[in-house]
Amino acid sequence: MLDRTDLQSTDRLTVLVRALLVKRSIDRPVGHRDDLTESGLSSLDIVTLMLSVENEFEVRIPESEMVPANFRSIARIDALVQRLLGELK
């Protein structure tokens, strides 16, 4: 059985985003560079996503990084996660 930690970070983020979309009954594919709010996520969904990212990657997102630009797309969130993980090393 494949552990989620074996997946690439973008794949793990896609799973998190997809789960939020399904929860909101939005059935559409989302590319890594697609704007998440244009895809149907609300600002509250983005906050939920932020908390999910912290949990999934075992990181703490500093308040200074909790800006809309960092959560605009899966690619932007992945860049943030990579920065945070790099700081842990």
PDB file of N, CA and C in Angstrom:
ATOM      1  N   MET A   1       0.834  -1.178   0.000  1.00  0.00           N
ATOM      2  CA  MET A   1       0.000   0.000   0.000  1.00  0.00           C
ATOM      3  C   MET A   1       0.883   1.246   0.000  1.00  0.00           C
ATOM      4  N   LEU A   2       0.518   2.238  -0.786  1.00  0.00           N
ATOM      5  CA  LEU A   2       1.288   3.463  -0.923  1.00  0.00           C
ATOM      6  C   LEU A   2       0.947   4.426   0.202  1.00  0.00           C
ATOM      7  N   ASP A   3       1.964   4.870   0.903  1.00  0.00           N
ATOM      8  CA  ASP A   3       1.803   5.862   1.961  1.00  0.00           C
ATOM      9  C   ASP A   3       1.772   7.241   1.297  1.00  0.00           C
ATOM     10  N   ARG A   4       0.921   8.130   1.782  1.00  0.00           N
ATOM     11  CA  ARG A   4       0.822   9.469   1.181  1.00  0.00           C
ATOM     12  C   ARG A   4       2.145  10.214   1.236  1.00  0.00           C
ATOM     13  N   THR A   5       2.981   9.920   2.232  1.00  0.00           N
ATOM     14  CA  THR A   5       4.271  10.602   2.317  1.00  0.00           C
ATOM     15  C   THR A   5       5.207  10.161   1.192  1.00  0.00           C
ATOM     16  N   ASP A   6       4.870   9.061   0.494  1.00  0.00           N
ATOM     17  CA  ASP A   6       5.665   8.612  -0.648  1.00  0.00           C
ATOM     18  C   ASP A   6       5.341   9.414  -1.909  1.00  0.00           C
ATOM     19  N   LEU A   7       4.251  10.158  -1.882  1.00  0.00           N
ATOM     20  CA  LEU A   7       3.857  10.962  -3.033  1.00  0.00           C
ATOM     21  C   LEU A   7       4.649  12.258  -3.076  1.00  0.00           C
ATOM     22  N   GLN A   8       4.777  12.825  -4.277  1.00  0.00           N
ATOM     23  CA  GLN A   8       5.391  14.132  -4.426  1.00  0.00           C
ATOM     24  C   GLN A   8       4.530  15.167  -3.694  1.00  0.00           C
ATOM     25  N   SER A   9       5.146  16.247  -3.249  1.00  0.00           N
ATOM     26  CA  SER A   9       4.405  17.258  -2.495  1.00  0.00           C
ATOM     27  C   SER A   9       3.259  17.846  -3.318  1.00  0.00           C
ATOM     28  N   THR A  10       3.460  18.035  -4.624  1.00  0.00           N
ATOM     29  CA  THR A  10       2.370  18.587  -5.435  1.00  0.00           C
ATOM     30  C   THR A  10       1.194  17.620  -5.499  1.00  0.00           C
ATOM     31  N   ASP A  11       1.480  16.327  -5.526  1.00  0.00           N
ATOM     32  CA  ASP A  11       0.403  15.332  -5.526  1.00  0.00           C
ATOM     33  C   ASP A  11      -0.342  15.351  -4.202  1.00  0.00           C
ATOM     34  N   ARG A  12       0.395  15.477  -3.116  1.00  0.00           N
ATOM     35  CA  ARG A  12      -0.233  15.542  -1.798  1.00  0.00           C
ATOM     36  C   ARG A  12      -1.101  16.789  -1.684  1.00  0.00           C
ATOM     37  N   LEU A  13      -0.620  17.903  -2.209  1.00  0.00           N
ATOM     38  CA  LEU A  13      -1.403  19.138  -2.186  1.00  0.00           C
ATOM     39  C   LEU A  13      -2.642  19.017  -3.056  1.00  0.00           C
ATOM     40  N   THR A  14      -2.505  18.361  -4.198  1.00  0.00           N
ATOM     41  CA  THR A  14      -3.649  18.153  -5.080  1.00  0.00           C
ATOM     42  C   THR A  14      -4.731  17.349  -4.363  1.00  0.00           C
ATOM     43  N   VAL A  15      -4.334  16.348  -3.590  1.00  0.00           N
ATOM     44  CA  VAL A  15      -5.294  15.558  -2.819  1.00  0.00           C
ATOM     45  C   VAL A  15      -6.034  16.448  -1.820  1.00  0.00           C
ATOM     46  N   LEU A  16      -5.308  17.331  -1.144  1.00  0.00           N
ATOM     47  CA  LEU A  16      -5.936  18.231  -0.169  1.00  0.00           C
ATOM     48  C   LEU A  16      -6.927  19.175  -0.845  1.00  0.00           C
ATOM     49  N   VAL A  17      -6.522  19.756  -1.966  1.00  0.00           N
ATOM     50  CA  VAL A  17      -7.394  20.683  -2.695  1.00  0.00           C
ATOM     51  C   VAL A  17      -8.610  19.953  -3.230  1.00  0.00           C
ATOM     52  N   ARG A  18      -8.387  18.789  -3.797  1.00  0.00           N
ATOM     53  CA  ARG A  18      -9.491  17.999  -4.358  1.00  0.00           C
ATOM     54  C   ARG A  18     -10.518  17.659  -3.272  1.00  0.00           C
ATOM     55  N   ALA A  19     -10.038  17.316  -2.077  1.00  0.00           N
ATOM     56  CA  ALA A  19     -10.944  16.993  -0.966  1.00  0.00           C
ATOM     57  C   ALA A  19     -11.817  18.192  -0.605  1.00  0.00           C
ATOM     58  N   LEU A  20     -11.228  19.382  -0.613  1.00  0.00           N
ATOM     59  CA  LEU A  20     -12.017  20.591  -0.329  1.00  0.00           C
ATOM     60  C   LEU A  20     -13.051  20.843  -1.420  1.00  0.00           C
ATOM     61  N   LEU A  21     -12.652  20.661  -2.664  1.00  0.00           N
ATOM     62  CA  LEU A  21     -13.583  20.871  -3.768  1.00  0.00           C
ATOM     63  C   LEU A  21     -14.746  19.882  -3.694  1.00  0.00           C
ATOM     64  N   VAL A  22     -14.442  18.639  -3.411  1.00  0.00           N
ATOM     65  CA  VAL A  22     -15.486  17.616  -3.298  1.00  0.00           C
ATOM     66  C   VAL A  22     -16.428  17.972  -2.146  1.00  0.00           C
ATOM     67  N   LYS A  23     -15.858  18.407  -1.029  1.00  0.00           N
ATOM     68  CA  LYS A  23     -16.670  18.800   0.124  1.00  0.00           C
ATOM     69  C   LYS A  23     -17.637  19.929  -0.233  1.00  0.00           C
ATOM     70  N   ARG A  24     -17.221  20.794  -1.154  1.00  0.00           N
ATOM     71  CA  ARG A  24     -18.067  21.911  -1.594  1.00  0.00           C
ATOM     72  C   ARG A  24     -18.901  21.535  -2.815  1.00  0.00           C
ATOM     73  N   SER A  25     -18.907  20.252  -3.175  1.00  0.00           N
ATOM     74  CA  SER A  25     -19.664  19.730  -4.322  1.00  0.00           C
ATOM     75  C   SER A  25     -19.239  20.377  -5.638  1.00  0.00           C
ATOM     76  N   ILE A  26     -17.949  20.641  -5.756  1.00  0.00           N
ATOM     77  CA  ILE A  26     -17.386  21.201  -6.988  1.00  0.00           C
ATOM     78  C   ILE A  26     -16.624  20.083  -7.679  1.00  0.00           C
ATOM     79  N   ASP A  27     -17.100  19.705  -8.851  1.00  0.00           N
ATOM     80  CA  ASP A  27     -16.498  18.604  -9.582  1.00  0.00           C
ATOM     81  C   ASP A  27     -15.790  19.155 -10.815  1.00  0.00           C
ATOM     82  N   ARG A  28     -14.556  19.577 -10.621  1.00  0.00           N
ATOM     83  CA  ARG A  28     -13.774  20.073 -11.742  1.00  0.00           C
ATOM     84  C   ARG A  28     -12.300  19.796 -11.484  1.00  0.00           C
ATOM     85  N   PRO A  29     -11.567  19.524 -12.530  1.00  0.00           N
ATOM     86  CA  PRO A  29     -10.129  19.308 -12.369  1.00  0.00           C
ATOM     87  C   PRO A  29      -9.443  20.641 -12.066  1.00  0.00           C
ATOM     88  N   VAL A  30      -8.389  20.575 -11.283  1.00  0.00           N
ATOM     89  CA  VAL A  30      -7.625  21.773 -10.947  1.00  0.00           C
ATOM     90  C   VAL A  30      -6.169  21.501 -11.259  1.00  0.00           C
ATOM     91  N   GLY A  31      -5.622  22.322 -12.136  1.00  0.00           N
ATOM     92  CA  GLY A  31      -4.205  22.208 -12.471  1.00  0.00           C
ATOM     93  C   GLY A  31      -3.345  22.872 -11.411  1.00  0.00           C
ATOM     94  N   HIS A  32      -2.071  22.576 -11.438  1.00  0.00           N
ATOM     95  CA  HIS A  32      -1.153  23.087 -10.423  1.00  0.00           C
ATOM     96  C   HIS A  32      -1.034  24.606 -10.437  1.00  0.00           C
ATOM     97  N   ARG A  33      -1.312  25.230 -11.560  1.00  0.00           N
ATOM     98  CA  ARG A  33      -1.189  26.685 -11.644  1.00  0.00           C
ATOM     99  C   ARG A  33      -2.547  27.400 -11.684  1.00  0.00           C
ATOM    100  N   ASP A  34      -3.631  26.651 -11.593  1.00  0.00           N
ATOM    101  CA  ASP A  34      -4.966  27.257 -11.604  1.00  0.00           C
ATOM    102  C   ASP A  34      -5.211  28.048 -10.327  1.00  0.00           C
ATOM    103  N   ASP A  35      -5.893  29.172 -10.457  1.00  0.00           N
ATOM    104  CA  ASP A  35      -6.262  29.998  -9.312  1.00  0.00           C
ATOM    105  C   ASP A  35      -7.319  29.252  -8.499  1.00  0.00           C
ATOM    106  N   LEU A  36      -7.026  29.005  -7.235  1.00  0.00           N
ATOM    107  CA  LEU A  36      -7.922  28.194  -6.412  1.00  0.00           C
ATOM    108  C   LEU A  36      -9.235  28.899  -6.102  1.00  0.00           C
ATOM    109  N   THR A  37      -9.223  30.211  -5.968  1.00  0.00           N
ATOM    110  CA  THR A  37     -10.491  30.906  -5.714  1.00  0.00           C
ATOM    111  C   THR A  37     -11.360  30.903  -6.968  1.00  0.00           C
ATOM    112  N   GLU A  38     -10.741  30.993  -8.138  1.00  0.00           N
ATOM    113  CA  GLU A  38     -11.502  30.902  -9.381  1.00  0.00           C
ATOM    114  C   GLU A  38     -12.031  29.481  -9.594  1.00  0.00           C
ATOM    115  N   SER A  39     -11.368  28.509  -8.971  1.00  0.00           N
ATOM    116  CA  SER A  39     -11.823  27.117  -9.065  1.00  0.00           C
ATOM    117  C   SER A  39     -12.985  26.831  -8.135  1.00  0.00           C
ATOM    118  N   GLY A  40     -13.285  27.773  -7.237  1.00  0.00           N
ATOM    119  CA  GLY A  40     -14.451  27.618  -6.379  1.00  0.00           C
ATOM    120  C   GLY A  40     -14.194  27.620  -4.887  1.00  0.00           C
ATOM    121  N   LEU A  41     -12.930  27.737  -4.476  1.00  0.00           N
ATOM    122  CA  LEU A  41     -12.647  27.753  -3.044  1.00  0.00           C
ATOM    123  C   LEU A  41     -12.859  29.155  -2.475  1.00  0.00           C
ATOM    124  N   SER A  42     -13.488  29.214  -1.313  1.00  0.00           N
ATOM    125  CA  SER A  42     -13.728  30.491  -0.632  1.00  0.00           C
ATOM    126  C   SER A  42     -12.523  30.827   0.253  1.00  0.00           C
ATOM    127  N   SER A  43     -12.545  32.018   0.828  1.00  0.00           N
ATOM    128  CA  SER A  43     -11.455  32.399   1.729  1.00  0.00           C
ATOM    129  C   SER A  43     -11.429  31.480   2.953  1.00  0.00           C
ATOM    130  N   LEU A  44     -12.586  31.040   3.411  1.00  0.00           N
ATOM    131  CA  LEU A  44     -12.638  30.094   4.524  1.00  0.00           C
ATOM    132  C   LEU A  44     -12.031  28.748   4.115  1.00  0.00           C
ATOM    133  N   ASP A  45     -12.281  28.326   2.884  1.00  0.00           N
ATOM    134  CA  ASP A  45     -11.672  27.091   2.374  1.00  0.00           C
ATOM    135  C   ASP A  45     -10.148  27.217   2.350  1.00  0.00           C
ATOM    136  N   ILE A  46      -9.655  28.391   1.996  1.00  0.00           N
ATOM    137  CA  ILE A  46      -8.208  28.607   1.941  1.00  0.00           C
ATOM    138  C   ILE A  46      -7.610  28.497   3.342  1.00  0.00           C
ATOM    139  N   VAL A  47      -8.307  29.018   4.341  1.00  0.00           N
ATOM    140  CA  VAL A  47      -7.841  28.886   5.728  1.00  0.00           C
ATOM    141  C   VAL A  47      -7.827  27.408   6.121  1.00  0.00           C
ATOM    142  N   THR A  48      -8.859  26.682   5.770  1.00  0.00           N
ATOM    143  CA  THR A  48      -8.910  25.237   6.032  1.00  0.00           C
ATOM    144  C   THR A  48      -7.749  24.537   5.328  1.00  0.00           C
ATOM    145  N   LEU A  49      -7.478  24.933   4.109  1.00  0.00           N
ATOM    146  CA  LEU A  49      -6.371  24.368   3.344  1.00  0.00           C
ATOM    147  C   LEU A  49      -5.041  24.657   4.041  1.00  0.00           C
ATOM    148  N   MET A  50      -4.889  25.881   4.538  1.00  0.00           N
ATOM    149  CA  MET A  50      -3.673  26.259   5.245  1.00  0.00           C
ATOM    150  C   MET A  50      -3.429  25.324   6.439  1.00  0.00           C
ATOM    151  N   LEU A  51      -4.475  25.073   7.205  1.00  0.00           N
ATOM    152  CA  LEU A  51      -4.361  24.175   8.361  1.00  0.00           C
ATOM    153  C   LEU A  51      -4.062  22.742   7.923  1.00  0.00           C
ATOM    154  N   SER A  52      -4.670  22.323   6.821  1.00  0.00           N
ATOM    155  CA  SER A  52      -4.420  20.982   6.287  1.00  0.00           C
ATOM    156  C   SER A  52      -2.981  20.832   5.824  1.00  0.00           C
ATOM    157  N   VAL A  53      -2.441  21.883   5.225  1.00  0.00           N
ATOM    158  CA  VAL A  53      -1.043  21.861   4.767  1.00  0.00           C
ATOM    159  C   VAL A  53      -0.108  21.719   5.971  1.00  0.00           C
ATOM    160  N   GLU A  54      -0.382  22.482   7.027  1.00  0.00           N
ATOM    161  CA  GLU A  54       0.448  22.373   8.229  1.00  0.00           C
ATOM    162  C   GLU A  54       0.433  20.948   8.772  1.00  0.00           C
ATOM    163  N   ASN A  55      -0.731  20.362   8.812  1.00  0.00           N
ATOM    164  CA  ASN A  55      -0.878  18.998   9.321  1.00  0.00           C
ATOM    165  C   ASN A  55      -0.216  17.977   8.392  1.00  0.00           C
ATOM    166  N   GLU A  56      -0.471  18.085   7.118  1.00  0.00           N
ATOM    167  CA  GLU A  56       0.036  17.112   6.137  1.00  0.00           C
ATOM    168  C   GLU A  56       1.563  17.090   6.085  1.00  0.00           C
ATOM    169  N   PHE A  57       2.179  18.278   6.150  1.00  0.00           N
ATOM    170  CA  PHE A  57       3.627  18.372   5.981  1.00  0.00           C
ATOM    171  C   PHE A  57       4.370  18.591   7.302  1.00  0.00           C
ATOM    172  N   GLU A  58       3.606  18.608   8.400  1.00  0.00           N
ATOM    173  CA  GLU A  58       4.187  18.794   9.723  1.00  0.00           C
ATOM    174  C   GLU A  58       5.073  20.032   9.779  1.00  0.00           C
ATOM    175  N   VAL A  59       4.504  21.136   9.314  1.00  0.00           N
ATOM    176  CA  VAL A  59       5.183  22.431   9.351  1.00  0.00           C
ATOM    177  C   VAL A  59       4.252  23.439  10.015  1.00  0.00           C
ATOM    178  N   ARG A  60       4.828  24.532  10.436  1.00  0.00           N
ATOM    179  CA  ARG A  60       4.042  25.648  10.942  1.00  0.00           C
ATOM    180  C   ARG A  60       4.242  26.795   9.969  1.00  0.00           C
ATOM    181  N   ILE A  61       3.147  27.302   9.451  1.00  0.00           N
ATOM    182  CA  ILE A  61       3.233  28.415   8.510  1.00  0.00           C
ATOM    183  C   ILE A  61       3.289  29.700   9.332  1.00  0.00           C
ATOM    184  N   PRO A  62       4.387  30.449   9.215  1.00  0.00           N
ATOM    185  CA  PRO A  62       4.493  31.698   9.970  1.00  0.00           C
ATOM    186  C   PRO A  62       3.428  32.696   9.511  1.00  0.00           C
ATOM    187  N   GLU A  63       3.019  33.539  10.425  1.00  0.00           N
ATOM    188  CA  GLU A  63       1.995  34.536  10.111  1.00  0.00           C
ATOM    189  C   GLU A  63       2.403  35.397   8.909  1.00  0.00           C
ATOM    190  N   SER A  64       3.682  35.674   8.790  1.00  0.00           N
ATOM    191  CA  SER A  64       4.174  36.497   7.679  1.00  0.00           C
ATOM    192  C   SER A  64       3.975  35.825   6.319  1.00  0.00           C
ATOM    193  N   GLU A  65       3.805  34.493   6.318  1.00  0.00           N
ATOM    194  CA  GLU A  65       3.604  33.741   5.072  1.00  0.00           C
ATOM    195  C   GLU A  65       2.130  33.468   4.785  1.00  0.00           C
ATOM    196  N   MET A  66       1.261  33.866   5.710  1.00  0.00           N
ATOM    197  CA  MET A  66      -0.178  33.639   5.543  1.00  0.00           C
ATOM    198  C   MET A  66      -0.788  34.778   4.725  1.00  0.00           C
ATOM    199  N   VAL A  67      -0.354  34.838   3.486  1.00  0.00           N
ATOM    200  CA  VAL A  67      -0.837  35.871   2.571  1.00  0.00           C
ATOM    201  C   VAL A  67      -1.502  35.202   1.373  1.00  0.00           C
ATOM    202  N   PRO A  68      -2.505  35.844   0.797  1.00  0.00           N
ATOM    203  CA  PRO A  68      -3.227  35.227  -0.318  1.00  0.00           C
ATOM    204  C   PRO A  68      -2.326  34.750  -1.461  1.00  0.00           C
ATOM    205  N   ALA A  69      -1.272  35.480  -1.756  1.00  0.00           N
ATOM    206  CA  ALA A  69      -0.395  35.098  -2.870  1.00  0.00           C
ATOM    207  C   ALA A  69       0.197  33.704  -2.684  1.00  0.00           C
ATOM    208  N   ASN A  70       0.480  33.307  -1.442  1.00  0.00           N
ATOM    209  CA  ASN A  70       1.073  31.994  -1.187  1.00  0.00           C
ATOM    210  C   ASN A  70       0.076  30.857  -1.333  1.00  0.00           C
ATOM    211  N   PHE A  71      -1.215  31.181  -1.407  1.00  0.00           N
ATOM    212  CA  PHE A  71      -2.251  30.156  -1.486  1.00  0.00           C
ATOM    213  C   PHE A  71      -3.113  30.303  -2.733  1.00  0.00           C
ATOM    214  N   ARG A  72      -2.577  30.986  -3.732  1.00  0.00           N
ATOM    215  CA  ARG A  72      -3.316  31.221  -4.966  1.00  0.00           C
ATOM    216  C   ARG A  72      -3.453  29.976  -5.811  1.00  0.00           C
ATOM    217  N   SER A  73      -2.437  29.098  -5.754  1.00  0.00           N
ATOM    218  CA  SER A  73      -2.446  27.887  -6.588  1.00  0.00           C
ATOM    219  C   SER A  73      -1.687  26.772  -5.875  1.00  0.00           C
ATOM    220  N   ILE A  74      -1.844  25.582  -6.369  1.00  0.00           N
ATOM    221  CA  ILE A  74      -1.107  24.440  -5.817  1.00  0.00           C
ATOM    222  C   ILE A  74       0.388  24.680  -5.969  1.00  0.00           C
ATOM    223  N   ALA A  75       0.802  25.227  -7.096  1.00  0.00           N
ATOM    224  CA  ALA A  75       2.227  25.498  -7.329  1.00  0.00           C
ATOM    225  C   ALA A  75       2.770  26.494  -6.305  1.00  0.00           C
ATOM    226  N   ARG A  76       1.997  27.524  -5.984  1.00  0.00           N
ATOM    227  CA  ARG A  76       2.439  28.516  -4.992  1.00  0.00           C
ATOM    228  C   ARG A  76       2.509  27.907  -3.594  1.00  0.00           C
ATOM    229  N   ILE A  77       1.532  27.081  -3.258  1.00  0.00           N
ATOM    230  CA  ILE A  77       1.552  26.421  -1.947  1.00  0.00           C
ATOM    231  C   ILE A  77       2.750  25.483  -1.873  1.00  0.00           C
ATOM    232  N   ASP A  78       3.022  24.774  -2.958  1.00  0.00           N
ATOM    233  CA  ASP A  78       4.162  23.861  -2.985  1.00  0.00           C
ATOM    234  C   ASP A  78       5.463  24.627  -2.778  1.00  0.00           C
ATOM    235  N   ALA A  79       5.609  25.778  -3.400  1.00  0.00           N
ATOM    236  CA  ALA A  79       6.819  26.591  -3.214  1.00  0.00           C
ATOM    237  C   ALA A  79       6.964  26.993  -1.745  1.00  0.00           C
ATOM    238  N   LEU A  80       5.851  27.357  -1.122  1.00  0.00           N
ATOM    239  CA  LEU A  80       5.869  27.711   0.300  1.00  0.00           C
ATOM    240  C   LEU A  80       6.291  26.510   1.143  1.00  0.00           C
ATOM    241  N   VAL A  81       5.697  25.366   0.891  1.00  0.00           N
ATOM    242  CA  VAL A  81       6.028  24.148   1.643  1.00  0.00           C
ATOM    243  C   VAL A  81       7.510  23.816   1.487  1.00  0.00           C
ATOM    244  N   GLN A  82       8.020  23.913   0.275  1.00  0.00           N
ATOM    245  CA  GLN A  82       9.434  23.605   0.045  1.00  0.00           C
ATOM    246  C   GLN A  82      10.337  24.559   0.817  1.00  0.00           C
ATOM    247  N   ARG A  83       9.982  25.842   0.870  1.00  0.00           N
ATOM    248  CA  ARG A  83      10.752  26.814   1.654  1.00  0.00           C
ATOM    249  C   ARG A  83      10.734  26.430   3.133  1.00  0.00           C
ATOM    250  N   LEU A  84       9.547  26.110   3.632  1.00  0.00           N
ATOM    251  CA  LEU A  84       9.406  25.774   5.047  1.00  0.00           C
ATOM    252  C   LEU A  84      10.152  24.486   5.400  1.00  0.00           C
ATOM    253  N   LEU A  85      10.053  23.487   4.529  1.00  0.00           N
ATOM    254  CA  LEU A  85      10.764  22.228   4.766  1.00  0.00           C
ATOM    255  C   LEU A  85      12.272  22.439   4.707  1.00  0.00           C
ATOM    256  N   GLY A  86      12.714  23.323   3.820  1.00  0.00           N
ATOM    257  CA  GLY A  86      14.145  23.639   3.723  1.00  0.00           C
ATOM    258  C   GLY A  86      14.663  24.295   4.982  1.00  0.00           C
ATOM    259  N   GLU A  87      13.813  25.080   5.629  1.00  0.00           N
ATOM    260  CA  GLU A  87      14.208  25.739   6.881  1.00  0.00           C
ATOM    261  C   GLU A  87      14.345  24.742   8.022  1.00  0.00           C
ATOM    262  N   LEU A  88      13.669  23.597   7.914  1.00  0.00           N
ATOM    263  CA  LEU A  88      13.726  22.586   8.965  1.00  0.00           C
ATOM    264  C   LEU A  88      15.020  21.772   8.915  1.00  0.00           C
ATOM    265  N   LYS A  89      15.678  21.776   7.783  1.00  0.00           N
ATOM    266  CA  LYS A  89      16.897  20.952   7.611  1.00  0.00           C
ATOM    267  C   LYS A  89      18.089  21.599   8.260  1.00  0.00           C
TER     268      LYS A  89
END
